Protein backbone atom coordinates (compact mmCIF):
# COMPACT_ATOMS: atom_id res chain seq x y z
CA UNK A 1 -0.02 0.01 -0.07
CA UNK A 2 1.15 3.49 -0.74
CA UNK A 3 2.14 5.77 2.20
CA UNK A 4 0.09 8.70 3.39
CA UNK A 5 2.73 11.05 2.47
CA UNK A 6 1.91 10.62 -1.19
CA UNK A 7 -1.60 12.08 -0.40
CA UNK A 8 -1.18 15.64 0.88
CA UNK A 9 -4.92 16.28 1.37
CA UNK A 10 -5.20 13.43 3.79
CA UNK A 11 -1.94 14.12 5.38
CA UNK A 12 -3.07 17.69 6.19
CA UNK A 13 -6.20 16.46 7.90
CA UNK A 14 -4.24 13.94 9.87
CA UNK A 15 -2.02 16.65 11.34
CA UNK A 16 -4.69 19.34 11.70
CA UNK A 17 -4.37 19.32 15.54
CA UNK A 18 -1.73 21.84 15.51
CA UNK A 19 -2.12 25.44 16.58
CA UNK A 20 -0.12 26.98 13.80
CA UNK A 21 -0.52 30.60 14.94
CA UNK A 22 0.72 29.78 18.50
CA UNK A 23 3.69 27.94 17.01
CA UNK A 24 4.74 30.77 14.86
CA UNK A 25 4.42 33.01 17.97
CA UNK A 26 6.93 30.70 19.60
CA UNK A 27 9.28 30.98 16.54
CA UNK A 28 9.13 34.80 16.96
CA UNK A 29 9.74 34.72 20.60
CA UNK A 30 12.84 32.60 19.92
CA UNK A 31 14.05 35.11 17.40
CA UNK A 32 13.32 38.04 19.83
CA UNK A 33 15.19 36.19 22.69
CA UNK A 34 17.99 34.38 20.95
CA UNK A 35 18.35 35.70 17.53
CA UNK A 36 21.32 38.12 18.24
CA UNK A 37 19.12 41.14 17.53
CA UNK A 38 17.79 39.89 14.22
CA UNK A 39 14.84 42.38 14.19
CA UNK A 40 14.71 42.31 10.51
CA UNK A 41 14.00 38.68 9.99
CA UNK A 42 12.14 38.51 6.73
CA UNK A 43 12.58 35.05 5.16
CA UNK A 44 11.89 31.60 6.52
CA UNK A 45 12.78 28.05 5.42
CA UNK A 46 10.70 25.02 6.34
CA UNK A 47 12.69 21.81 6.09
CA UNK A 48 10.48 18.74 5.20
CA UNK A 49 7.58 21.23 4.53
CA UNK A 50 5.14 18.63 3.48
CA UNK A 51 1.83 20.39 2.62
CA UNK A 52 3.23 23.66 3.97
CA UNK A 53 0.76 24.22 6.84
CA UNK A 54 2.74 27.33 8.01
CA UNK A 55 2.62 28.97 4.70
CA UNK A 56 -0.45 31.01 5.14
CA UNK A 57 0.41 32.18 8.72
CA UNK A 58 3.88 33.13 7.78
CA UNK A 59 2.79 34.98 4.78
CA UNK A 60 0.24 36.94 6.73
CA UNK A 61 3.00 38.05 9.08
CA UNK A 62 5.10 39.22 6.21
CA UNK A 63 7.70 36.52 5.83
CA UNK A 64 9.03 35.24 2.51
CA UNK A 65 8.49 31.42 2.62
CA UNK A 66 10.70 28.67 1.12
CA UNK A 67 9.62 25.10 1.52
CA UNK A 68 11.98 22.17 0.95
CA UNK A 69 10.73 18.57 0.63
CA UNK A 70 11.81 15.30 -1.00
CA UNK A 71 8.28 14.41 -2.16
CA UNK A 72 7.07 15.60 -5.56
CA UNK A 73 3.40 15.24 -4.45
CA UNK A 74 3.95 17.57 -1.49
CA UNK A 75 5.92 20.12 -3.57
CA UNK A 76 3.16 20.19 -6.16
CA UNK A 77 0.42 20.42 -3.50
CA UNK A 78 2.39 23.38 -1.76
CA UNK A 79 2.82 25.15 -5.13
CA UNK A 80 -0.83 24.95 -5.84
CA UNK A 81 -1.74 26.15 -2.26
CA UNK A 82 0.49 29.26 -2.73
CA UNK A 83 -1.05 29.95 -6.15
CA UNK A 84 -4.65 29.55 -4.83
CA UNK A 85 -3.84 32.14 -2.11
CA UNK A 86 -1.94 34.51 -4.44
CA UNK A 87 1.32 34.05 -2.46
CA UNK A 88 4.79 34.32 -3.86
CA UNK A 89 6.85 31.46 -2.41
CA UNK A 90 9.68 29.14 -3.28
CA UNK A 91 9.27 25.38 -3.16
CA UNK A 92 12.16 22.93 -3.85
CA UNK A 93 12.33 19.19 -4.18
CA UNK A 94 15.46 18.30 -2.25
CA UNK A 95 16.96 15.64 0.14
CA UNK A 96 17.23 17.26 3.43
CA UNK A 97 20.64 15.57 4.00
CA UNK A 98 22.30 17.58 1.27
CA UNK A 99 20.86 20.69 -0.35
CA UNK A 100 21.62 24.17 -1.51
CA UNK A 101 19.58 27.43 -1.49
CA UNK A 102 20.31 30.00 -4.07
CA UNK A 103 19.56 32.77 -1.37
CA UNK A 104 20.11 32.73 2.39
CA UNK A 105 17.20 32.92 4.77
CA UNK A 106 16.80 34.47 8.15
CA UNK A 107 15.19 31.63 10.13
CA UNK A 108 14.67 27.84 9.47
CA UNK A 109 12.61 25.19 11.25
CA UNK A 110 11.71 21.39 10.85
CA UNK A 111 8.37 20.39 12.36
CA UNK A 112 6.73 17.31 13.70
CA UNK A 113 9.75 15.09 14.17
CA UNK A 114 10.43 15.18 10.46
CA UNK A 115 14.26 15.02 10.84
CA UNK A 116 14.44 11.74 8.98
CA UNK A 117 18.16 10.85 8.74
CA UNK A 118 19.94 7.53 8.81
CA UNK A 119 23.45 8.25 10.31
CA UNK A 120 25.50 10.84 12.16
CA UNK A 121 27.17 11.69 8.84
CA UNK A 122 23.79 12.47 7.32
CA UNK A 123 23.15 14.72 10.34
CA UNK A 124 26.39 16.52 9.87
CA UNK A 125 25.57 17.04 6.09
CA UNK A 126 22.18 18.31 6.99
CA UNK A 127 23.48 20.80 9.48
CA UNK A 128 26.12 22.02 7.11
CA UNK A 129 23.24 22.52 4.35
CA UNK A 130 21.12 24.41 6.77
CA UNK A 131 23.89 26.54 8.10
CA UNK A 132 24.92 27.53 4.60
CA UNK A 133 21.31 28.50 3.99
CA UNK A 134 21.10 30.81 6.97
CA UNK A 135 22.35 34.36 7.63
CA UNK A 136 24.78 34.61 10.48
CA UNK A 137 23.18 34.73 14.01
CA UNK A 138 19.86 33.18 12.63
CA UNK A 139 18.03 30.28 14.34
CA UNK A 140 17.16 26.73 13.31
CA UNK A 141 14.27 25.21 15.40
CA UNK A 142 13.72 21.47 15.36
CA UNK A 143 10.40 20.05 16.60
CA UNK A 144 10.91 16.59 18.18
CA UNK A 145 13.55 14.30 16.56
CA UNK A 146 15.77 14.16 19.72
CA UNK A 147 15.39 10.83 21.67
CA UNK A 148 15.01 12.04 25.30
CA UNK A 149 13.47 8.74 26.43
CA UNK A 150 16.40 6.73 25.36
CA UNK A 151 15.61 4.12 22.74
CA UNK A 152 12.24 2.93 24.06
CA UNK A 153 9.32 1.42 21.93
CA UNK A 154 6.35 3.79 21.51
CA UNK A 155 3.01 3.87 19.85
CA UNK A 156 0.72 6.94 19.23
CA UNK A 157 -2.75 7.01 17.76
CA UNK A 158 -5.28 9.81 17.04
CA UNK A 159 -8.19 10.58 14.84
CA UNK A 160 -9.09 13.78 13.05
CA UNK A 161 -12.01 14.80 10.88
CA UNK A 162 -12.60 17.49 8.25
CA UNK A 163 -16.01 17.66 6.63
CA UNK A 164 -16.86 14.12 5.33
CA UNK A 165 -13.26 12.82 5.73
CA UNK A 166 -11.94 11.09 8.82
CA UNK A 167 -8.31 10.04 9.23
CA UNK A 168 -7.29 7.42 11.87
CA UNK A 169 -3.38 7.57 12.18
CA UNK A 170 -1.16 5.38 14.10
CA UNK A 171 2.70 5.55 14.27
CA UNK A 172 4.76 2.82 16.00
CA UNK A 173 8.38 3.07 16.64
CA UNK A 174 10.50 -0.20 17.64
CA UNK A 175 14.30 -0.19 18.25
CA UNK A 176 16.18 -2.35 15.67
CA UNK A 177 19.74 -1.64 16.65
CA UNK A 178 20.51 -0.16 20.04
CA UNK A 179 24.14 0.34 19.48
CA UNK A 180 23.50 2.29 16.33
CA UNK A 181 20.31 3.97 17.70
CA UNK A 182 18.29 2.78 14.71
CA UNK A 183 14.53 2.36 14.99
CA UNK A 184 11.82 1.19 12.61
CA UNK A 185 8.79 3.44 12.31
CA UNK A 186 5.62 1.96 10.95
CA UNK A 187 2.80 4.29 10.07
CA UNK A 188 -0.69 2.82 9.29
CA UNK A 189 -3.54 5.07 8.34
CA UNK A 190 -7.25 4.52 7.68
CA UNK A 191 -9.12 7.21 5.69
CA UNK A 192 -12.86 7.36 5.42
CA UNK A 193 -13.76 9.79 2.77
CA UNK A 194 -17.69 9.86 2.52
CA UNK A 195 -18.47 6.33 1.28
CA UNK A 196 -14.90 5.39 0.38
CA UNK A 197 -12.42 3.83 2.72
CA UNK A 198 -8.72 3.63 2.01
CA UNK A 199 -5.84 2.21 4.02
CA UNK A 200 -2.18 3.24 3.90
CA UNK A 201 0.97 1.76 5.38
CA UNK A 202 4.60 2.73 5.28
CA UNK A 203 7.74 1.52 7.18
CA UNK A 204 11.24 2.77 7.31
CA UNK A 205 14.33 2.70 9.41
CA UNK A 206 15.89 5.86 10.72
CA UNK A 207 18.45 6.85 13.34
CA UNK A 208 17.59 8.50 16.63
CA UNK A 209 19.81 11.03 18.30
CA UNK A 210 20.50 11.07 21.98
CA UNK A 211 20.39 14.70 23.30
CA UNK A 212 24.23 14.96 24.10
CA UNK A 213 25.12 13.14 20.88
CA UNK A 214 23.05 15.55 18.85
CA UNK A 215 24.44 18.58 20.77
CA UNK A 216 28.12 17.46 20.25
CA UNK A 217 27.56 17.07 16.39
CA UNK A 218 25.61 20.34 16.25
CA UNK A 219 28.38 22.32 17.99
CA UNK A 220 31.00 20.65 15.65
CA UNK A 221 29.14 22.39 12.77
CA UNK A 222 28.48 26.21 12.29
CA UNK A 223 25.81 26.10 14.96
CA UNK A 224 25.77 26.61 18.67
CA UNK A 225 23.21 24.91 20.90
CA UNK A 226 20.86 27.50 22.50
CA UNK A 227 18.51 25.20 24.43
CA UNK A 228 15.66 22.69 24.57
CA UNK A 229 12.12 23.69 25.36
CA UNK A 230 8.96 21.62 25.50
CA UNK A 231 5.60 22.29 23.81
CA UNK A 232 6.49 25.42 22.03
CA UNK A 233 6.92 27.29 25.40
CA UNK A 234 9.98 29.07 26.46
CA UNK A 235 8.95 28.85 30.04
CA UNK A 236 9.39 25.01 29.96
CA UNK A 237 12.98 24.16 29.61
CA UNK A 238 13.32 20.42 28.94
CA UNK A 239 15.78 20.19 31.97
CA UNK A 240 13.01 21.30 34.27
CA UNK A 241 10.35 18.90 32.94
CA UNK A 242 9.32 15.70 34.79
CA UNK A 243 10.62 12.51 33.10
CA UNK A 244 7.99 11.13 30.77
CA UNK A 245 6.00 14.24 30.42
CA UNK A 246 7.71 15.69 27.28
CA UNK A 247 5.21 16.44 24.51
CA UNK A 248 7.02 18.19 21.62
CA UNK A 249 10.43 19.06 22.81
CA UNK A 250 12.09 21.84 20.70
CA UNK A 251 15.72 22.20 19.86
CA UNK A 252 17.08 25.67 19.20
CA UNK A 253 20.21 26.21 17.39
CA UNK A 254 21.94 29.40 16.35
CA UNK A 255 24.28 29.92 13.48
CA UNK A 256 27.60 31.37 14.62
CA UNK A 257 28.35 34.84 13.48
């Protein structure tokens, strides 16, 4: 069965639980507090942008948007969304592990644990690519992706509805190689679209990154580690959160001047 990622409309419904406006508020708070005085931030890169759920909000706040994704379906969907809303934006079909932007941007982010890399070398290449795309002093915010629990199995399920379409989503993660910190993610989805029902399944192996391992690799690059905060809230440093309570821990990196 084809994966849900090849169906942007259903994917958008599955992840429609986000408060995009509040999350962009968080990004702006990070820029104000940690961005080395970058009061003129005007351009944003979303890594693994998918259907570009942040496009409309960022455009309404005056930011130029660039979306990068490896899926042709997602890039085409995002281009159509921008055109339908009369937004000038740039969309690139690229591998996040190694890419180049023709012009630098002032802020970058990767949402929903979408940092899908298979090795430390791929992470190094990714961080080099993002750093090259950023102006000095700019921030890179990463939602999820850091393995704070420490290689444990997990399963998350939820259901979302939009009009006549309901998406039942399940993501399971199982360690496959503890020494290499590899896990297998299996995503199964049931979509009820009016009278029609469709099922999707995809599975892949990715590397997880322990916090100190990630920080070490990041600080070997052109980034410095600013901090970890939970749930898009600067008042919730991860170090002060109770074990097992983390929801969506955010990693904040800053490109060195």
